[in-house]
N, C-alpha and C. Protein backbone atom coordinates (compact mmCIF):
# COMPACT_ATOMS: atom_id res chain seq x y z
N MET A 1 -33.47 -86.38 160.46
CA MET A 1 -33.60 -87.72 160.03
C MET A 1 -35.03 -88.22 160.23
N LEU A 2 -35.64 -87.79 161.27
CA LEU A 2 -37.02 -88.15 161.53
C LEU A 2 -37.92 -87.61 160.43
N LEU A 3 -37.62 -86.44 159.98
CA LEU A 3 -38.41 -85.82 158.92
C LEU A 3 -38.24 -86.60 157.61
N ARG A 4 -37.04 -87.04 157.31
CA ARG A 4 -36.80 -87.79 156.09
C ARG A 4 -37.52 -89.14 156.14
N ARG A 5 -37.48 -89.75 157.25
CA ARG A 5 -38.10 -91.06 157.40
C ARG A 5 -39.61 -90.96 157.26
N SER A 6 -40.23 -89.98 157.83
CA SER A 6 -41.68 -89.85 157.71
C SER A 6 -42.08 -89.50 156.29
N ALA A 7 -41.30 -88.74 155.58
CA ALA A 7 -41.61 -88.41 154.18
C ALA A 7 -41.51 -89.67 153.33
N ARG A 8 -40.50 -90.47 153.63
CA ARG A 8 -40.33 -91.71 152.89
C ARG A 8 -41.48 -92.67 153.18
N GLN A 9 -41.89 -92.74 154.43
CA GLN A 9 -43.00 -93.61 154.79
C GLN A 9 -44.29 -93.12 154.14
N LEU A 10 -44.47 -91.81 154.07
CA LEU A 10 -45.66 -91.25 153.42
C LEU A 10 -45.68 -91.60 151.93
N SER A 11 -44.54 -91.49 151.29
CA SER A 11 -44.52 -91.81 149.86
C SER A 11 -44.78 -93.29 149.62
N LEU A 12 -44.25 -94.16 150.49
CA LEU A 12 -44.54 -95.59 150.38
C LEU A 12 -46.01 -95.88 150.65
N ALA A 13 -46.55 -95.22 151.63
CA ALA A 13 -47.96 -95.42 151.96
C ALA A 13 -48.84 -94.93 150.82
N ALA A 14 -48.45 -93.84 150.18
CA ALA A 14 -49.22 -93.32 149.06
C ALA A 14 -49.20 -94.30 147.89
N HIS A 15 -48.05 -94.91 147.64
CA HIS A 15 -47.95 -95.89 146.55
C HIS A 15 -48.77 -97.14 146.84
N LEU A 16 -48.84 -97.53 148.08
CA LEU A 16 -49.56 -98.74 148.43
C LEU A 16 -51.07 -98.55 148.43
N THR A 17 -51.52 -97.36 148.81
CA THR A 17 -52.96 -97.16 148.91
C THR A 17 -53.58 -96.67 147.61
N LEU A 18 -52.86 -95.97 146.76
CA LEU A 18 -53.42 -95.48 145.50
C LEU A 18 -53.29 -96.55 144.42
N PRO A 19 -54.35 -96.89 143.76
CA PRO A 19 -54.27 -97.88 142.69
C PRO A 19 -53.61 -97.25 141.46
N ALA A 20 -53.06 -98.09 140.62
CA ALA A 20 -52.44 -97.60 139.39
C ALA A 20 -53.53 -97.06 138.47
N ARG A 21 -53.14 -96.12 137.63
CA ARG A 21 -54.13 -95.49 136.74
C ARG A 21 -54.72 -96.48 135.73
N SER A 22 -53.98 -97.47 135.32
CA SER A 22 -54.48 -98.42 134.33
C SER A 22 -55.58 -99.32 134.90
N THR A 23 -55.57 -99.53 136.22
CA THR A 23 -56.58 -100.42 136.80
C THR A 23 -57.82 -99.67 137.25
N VAL A 24 -57.77 -98.35 137.25
CA VAL A 24 -58.92 -97.57 137.68
C VAL A 24 -59.93 -97.54 136.56
N THR A 25 -61.16 -97.92 136.87
CA THR A 25 -62.23 -97.84 135.88
C THR A 25 -63.08 -96.63 136.18
N ARG A 26 -63.45 -95.95 135.15
CA ARG A 26 -64.29 -94.76 135.32
C ARG A 26 -65.74 -95.17 135.22
N ARG A 27 -66.53 -94.60 136.07
CA ARG A 27 -67.95 -94.87 136.06
C ARG A 27 -68.68 -93.59 135.77
N SER A 28 -69.72 -93.71 134.97
CA SER A 28 -70.54 -92.54 134.73
C SER A 28 -71.48 -92.35 135.92
N LEU A 29 -72.06 -91.22 135.99
CA LEU A 29 -72.93 -90.92 137.12
C LEU A 29 -74.22 -91.76 137.08
N ALA A 30 -74.62 -92.17 135.91
CA ALA A 30 -75.88 -92.91 135.79
C ALA A 30 -75.70 -94.39 136.06
N SER A 31 -74.47 -94.88 136.04
CA SER A 31 -74.28 -96.32 136.22
C SER A 31 -74.40 -96.70 137.69
N THR A 32 -74.77 -97.93 137.90
CA THR A 32 -74.88 -98.43 139.26
C THR A 32 -73.91 -99.59 139.42
N ALA A 33 -73.67 -99.99 140.63
CA ALA A 33 -72.75 -101.08 140.89
C ALA A 33 -73.29 -102.39 140.33
N ALA A 34 -74.58 -102.59 140.34
CA ALA A 34 -75.17 -103.83 139.84
C ALA A 34 -74.94 -103.95 138.34
N GLN A 35 -75.00 -102.84 137.62
CA GLN A 35 -74.79 -102.88 136.18
C GLN A 35 -73.35 -103.19 135.85
N LEU A 36 -72.42 -102.67 136.64
CA LEU A 36 -71.02 -102.90 136.35
C LEU A 36 -70.58 -104.29 136.75
N ASP A 37 -71.16 -104.85 137.79
CA ASP A 37 -70.74 -106.16 138.26
C ASP A 37 -71.23 -107.28 137.34
N SER A 38 -72.46 -107.16 136.85
CA SER A 38 -73.01 -108.24 136.03
C SER A 38 -72.65 -108.00 134.57
N ALA A 39 -72.33 -109.07 133.88
CA ALA A 39 -72.03 -108.99 132.46
C ALA A 39 -73.35 -108.78 131.72
N PRO A 40 -73.32 -108.03 130.61
CA PRO A 40 -74.57 -107.82 129.86
C PRO A 40 -75.09 -109.13 129.28
N GLN A 41 -76.34 -109.43 129.55
CA GLN A 41 -76.96 -110.65 129.07
C GLN A 41 -77.56 -110.38 127.69
N PRO A 42 -77.28 -111.24 126.70
CA PRO A 42 -77.88 -111.03 125.39
C PRO A 42 -79.38 -111.28 125.46
N SER A 43 -80.11 -110.53 124.66
CA SER A 43 -81.56 -110.69 124.67
C SER A 43 -81.96 -112.01 124.04
N SER A 44 -83.17 -112.43 124.30
CA SER A 44 -83.64 -113.70 123.74
C SER A 44 -83.77 -113.60 122.22
N TYR A 45 -84.04 -112.39 121.72
CA TYR A 45 -84.12 -112.20 120.27
C TYR A 45 -82.76 -112.47 119.62
N ARG A 46 -81.70 -111.94 120.22
CA ARG A 46 -80.36 -112.15 119.67
C ARG A 46 -79.96 -113.62 119.77
N GLN A 47 -80.35 -114.27 120.84
CA GLN A 47 -80.03 -115.70 120.97
C GLN A 47 -80.76 -116.50 119.90
N GLY A 48 -82.01 -116.16 119.64
CA GLY A 48 -82.77 -116.84 118.60
C GLY A 48 -82.19 -116.59 117.23
N MET A 49 -81.79 -115.35 116.97
CA MET A 49 -81.23 -115.02 115.67
C MET A 49 -79.88 -115.70 115.48
N SER A 50 -79.12 -115.85 116.54
CA SER A 50 -77.82 -116.52 116.39
C SER A 50 -78.02 -117.99 116.02
N ASN A 51 -79.12 -118.60 116.44
CA ASN A 51 -79.42 -119.97 116.04
C ASN A 51 -79.72 -120.06 114.55
N TYR A 52 -80.38 -119.06 114.01
CA TYR A 52 -80.74 -119.06 112.60
C TYR A 52 -79.60 -118.62 111.70
N LYS A 53 -78.63 -117.87 112.24
CA LYS A 53 -77.53 -117.40 111.41
C LYS A 53 -76.73 -118.55 110.84
N THR A 54 -76.62 -119.63 111.56
CA THR A 54 -75.85 -120.75 111.07
C THR A 54 -76.52 -121.41 109.86
N PHE A 55 -77.83 -121.27 109.73
CA PHE A 55 -78.55 -121.88 108.63
C PHE A 55 -78.91 -120.89 107.53
N ALA A 56 -78.53 -119.64 107.67
CA ALA A 56 -78.93 -118.62 106.69
C ALA A 56 -78.31 -118.88 105.33
N ARG A 57 -77.01 -119.12 105.27
CA ARG A 57 -76.34 -119.33 103.99
C ARG A 57 -76.82 -120.61 103.30
N PRO A 58 -76.89 -121.75 103.98
CA PRO A 58 -77.40 -122.95 103.29
C PRO A 58 -78.85 -122.78 102.84
N PHE A 59 -79.67 -122.15 103.66
CA PHE A 59 -81.06 -121.92 103.27
C PHE A 59 -81.12 -121.04 102.03
N GLY A 60 -80.31 -119.99 101.99
CA GLY A 60 -80.29 -119.11 100.82
C GLY A 60 -79.87 -119.85 99.56
N LYS A 61 -78.87 -120.71 99.69
CA LYS A 61 -78.42 -121.47 98.52
C LYS A 61 -79.50 -122.41 98.02
N VAL A 62 -80.15 -123.10 98.93
CA VAL A 62 -81.21 -124.04 98.53
C VAL A 62 -82.39 -123.28 97.94
N PHE A 63 -82.75 -122.15 98.54
CA PHE A 63 -83.88 -121.36 98.04
C PHE A 63 -83.60 -120.84 96.64
N LEU A 64 -82.41 -120.25 96.44
CA LEU A 64 -82.08 -119.75 95.10
C LEU A 64 -81.97 -120.88 94.09
N GLY A 65 -81.45 -122.02 94.51
CA GLY A 65 -81.39 -123.17 93.61
C GLY A 65 -82.78 -123.64 93.21
N ALA A 66 -83.70 -123.64 94.16
CA ALA A 66 -85.08 -124.05 93.87
C ALA A 66 -85.75 -123.07 92.91
N VAL A 67 -85.55 -121.78 93.14
CA VAL A 67 -86.15 -120.77 92.25
C VAL A 67 -85.57 -120.91 90.84
N LEU A 68 -84.26 -121.09 90.75
CA LEU A 68 -83.63 -121.25 89.44
C LEU A 68 -84.14 -122.50 88.73
N THR A 69 -84.26 -123.59 89.44
CA THR A 69 -84.77 -124.83 88.85
C THR A 69 -86.21 -124.66 88.37
N TYR A 70 -87.03 -124.00 89.19
CA TYR A 70 -88.42 -123.76 88.80
C TYR A 70 -88.49 -122.92 87.53
N GLN A 71 -87.68 -121.87 87.48
CA GLN A 71 -87.71 -120.99 86.31
C GLN A 71 -87.26 -121.73 85.06
N ILE A 72 -86.23 -122.55 85.16
CA ILE A 72 -85.75 -123.31 83.99
C ILE A 72 -86.82 -124.28 83.51
N ILE A 73 -87.46 -124.99 84.43
CA ILE A 73 -88.52 -125.92 84.05
C ILE A 73 -89.71 -125.17 83.44
N TYR A 74 -90.05 -124.00 84.02
CA TYR A 74 -91.19 -123.23 83.50
C TYR A 74 -90.89 -122.73 82.10
N TRP A 75 -89.70 -122.17 81.86
CA TRP A 75 -89.36 -121.67 80.53
C TRP A 75 -89.30 -122.80 79.50
N THR A 76 -88.81 -123.95 79.91
CA THR A 76 -88.77 -125.10 79.01
C THR A 76 -90.19 -125.55 78.65
N TRP A 77 -91.05 -125.63 79.66
CA TRP A 77 -92.44 -126.01 79.42
C TRP A 77 -93.12 -124.99 78.50
N LEU A 78 -92.88 -123.70 78.74
CA LEU A 78 -93.49 -122.65 77.93
C LEU A 78 -93.02 -122.75 76.48
N LYS A 79 -91.74 -123.02 76.27
CA LYS A 79 -91.20 -123.16 74.92
C LYS A 79 -91.83 -124.36 74.22
N LEU A 80 -91.94 -125.49 74.92
CA LEU A 80 -92.56 -126.67 74.33
C LEU A 80 -94.04 -126.43 74.02
N GLU A 81 -94.72 -125.72 74.92
CA GLU A 81 -96.14 -125.42 74.71
C GLU A 81 -96.35 -124.53 73.48
N THR A 82 -95.51 -123.52 73.32
CA THR A 82 -95.65 -122.63 72.15
C THR A 82 -95.31 -123.37 70.87
N ASP A 83 -94.28 -124.23 70.92
CA ASP A 83 -93.95 -125.01 69.72
C ASP A 83 -95.11 -125.93 69.33
N GLU A 84 -95.75 -126.55 70.33
CA GLU A 84 -96.87 -127.43 70.05
C GLU A 84 -98.06 -126.66 69.47
N SER A 85 -98.35 -125.48 70.04
CA SER A 85 -99.48 -124.71 69.52
C SER A 85 -99.19 -124.19 68.11
N LYS A 86 -97.93 -123.84 67.80
CA LYS A 86 -97.58 -123.42 66.44
C LYS A 86 -97.75 -124.57 65.46
N LEU A 87 -97.32 -125.77 65.90
CA LEU A 87 -97.46 -126.95 65.04
C LEU A 87 -98.93 -127.24 64.75
N GLU A 88 -99.79 -127.17 65.77
CA GLU A 88 -101.22 -127.39 65.57
C GLU A 88 -101.82 -126.35 64.63
N LYS A 89 -101.44 -125.10 64.80
CA LYS A 89 -101.97 -124.04 63.92
C LYS A 89 -101.50 -124.22 62.48
N ASN A 90 -100.22 -124.62 62.32
CA ASN A 90 -99.71 -124.86 60.96
C ASN A 90 -100.44 -126.02 60.29
N GLU A 91 -100.71 -127.09 61.05
CA GLU A 91 -101.47 -128.22 60.49
C GLU A 91 -102.87 -127.78 60.10
N GLU A 92 -103.49 -126.98 60.96
CA GLU A 92 -104.84 -126.49 60.65
C GLU A 92 -104.82 -125.59 59.42
N MET A 93 -103.76 -124.79 59.28
CA MET A 93 -103.66 -123.91 58.11
C MET A 93 -103.49 -124.72 56.83
N THR A 94 -102.70 -125.78 56.89
CA THR A 94 -102.52 -126.60 55.67
C THR A 94 -103.83 -127.28 55.28
N ILE A 95 -104.61 -127.74 56.27
CA ILE A 95 -105.90 -128.36 55.97
C ILE A 95 -106.85 -127.32 55.36
N LEU A 96 -106.90 -126.11 55.93
CA LEU A 96 -107.78 -125.08 55.39
C LEU A 96 -107.34 -124.62 54.00
N GLU A 97 -106.02 -124.55 53.76
CA GLU A 97 -105.54 -124.18 52.42
C GLU A 97 -105.92 -125.24 51.39
N LYS A 98 -105.85 -126.50 51.80
CA LYS A 98 -106.24 -127.60 50.91
C LYS A 98 -107.72 -127.48 50.53
N LYS A 99 -108.57 -127.21 51.55
CA LYS A 99 -110.01 -127.06 51.30
C LYS A 99 -110.27 -125.86 50.41
N ALA A 100 -109.53 -124.77 50.63
CA ALA A 100 -109.72 -123.56 49.82
C ALA A 100 -109.33 -123.84 48.36
N ARG A 101 -108.24 -124.58 48.13
CA ARG A 101 -107.84 -124.92 46.76
C ARG A 101 -108.89 -125.81 46.08
N GLU A 102 -109.42 -126.78 46.88
CA GLU A 102 -110.44 -127.67 46.31
C GLU A 102 -111.69 -126.88 45.92
N LEU A 103 -112.11 -125.94 46.82
CA LEU A 103 -113.29 -125.11 46.48
C LEU A 103 -113.02 -124.20 45.29
N ALA A 104 -111.85 -123.65 45.22
CA ALA A 104 -111.51 -122.77 44.08
C ALA A 104 -111.47 -123.59 42.79
N ALA A 105 -110.96 -124.83 42.84
CA ALA A 105 -110.92 -125.68 41.66
C ALA A 105 -112.34 -126.12 41.26
N ALA A 106 -113.22 -126.34 42.24
CA ALA A 106 -114.59 -126.75 41.96
C ALA A 106 -115.38 -125.63 41.31
N GLN A 107 -115.06 -124.37 41.63
CA GLN A 107 -115.79 -123.23 41.07
C GLN A 107 -115.37 -122.96 39.63
N LYS A 108 -114.23 -123.36 39.18
CA LYS A 108 -113.78 -123.09 37.81
C LYS A 108 -114.39 -124.02 36.84
């Protein structure tokens, strides 16, 4: 009976002193206690980028909208400019054709 009791006490003692496998964390040989105890701190670069991430999408929309608006205004201006220069050239051509007809009529 003494033998049974000591075996039972040993098994209880083993259960109490050994942690469960799920709670045991494995450490690599290169890790230190200070690294495991402290939570990883994000770098200042990541903190700065996280501030800009919230404005990335609105900035992109405004930037693309501005580029699109500029291009539409530029193409419209270019079309109006070419139409105006064609009109001026056509007027000049009609004046020169008139002068050419007058000179041809004067020579006959």
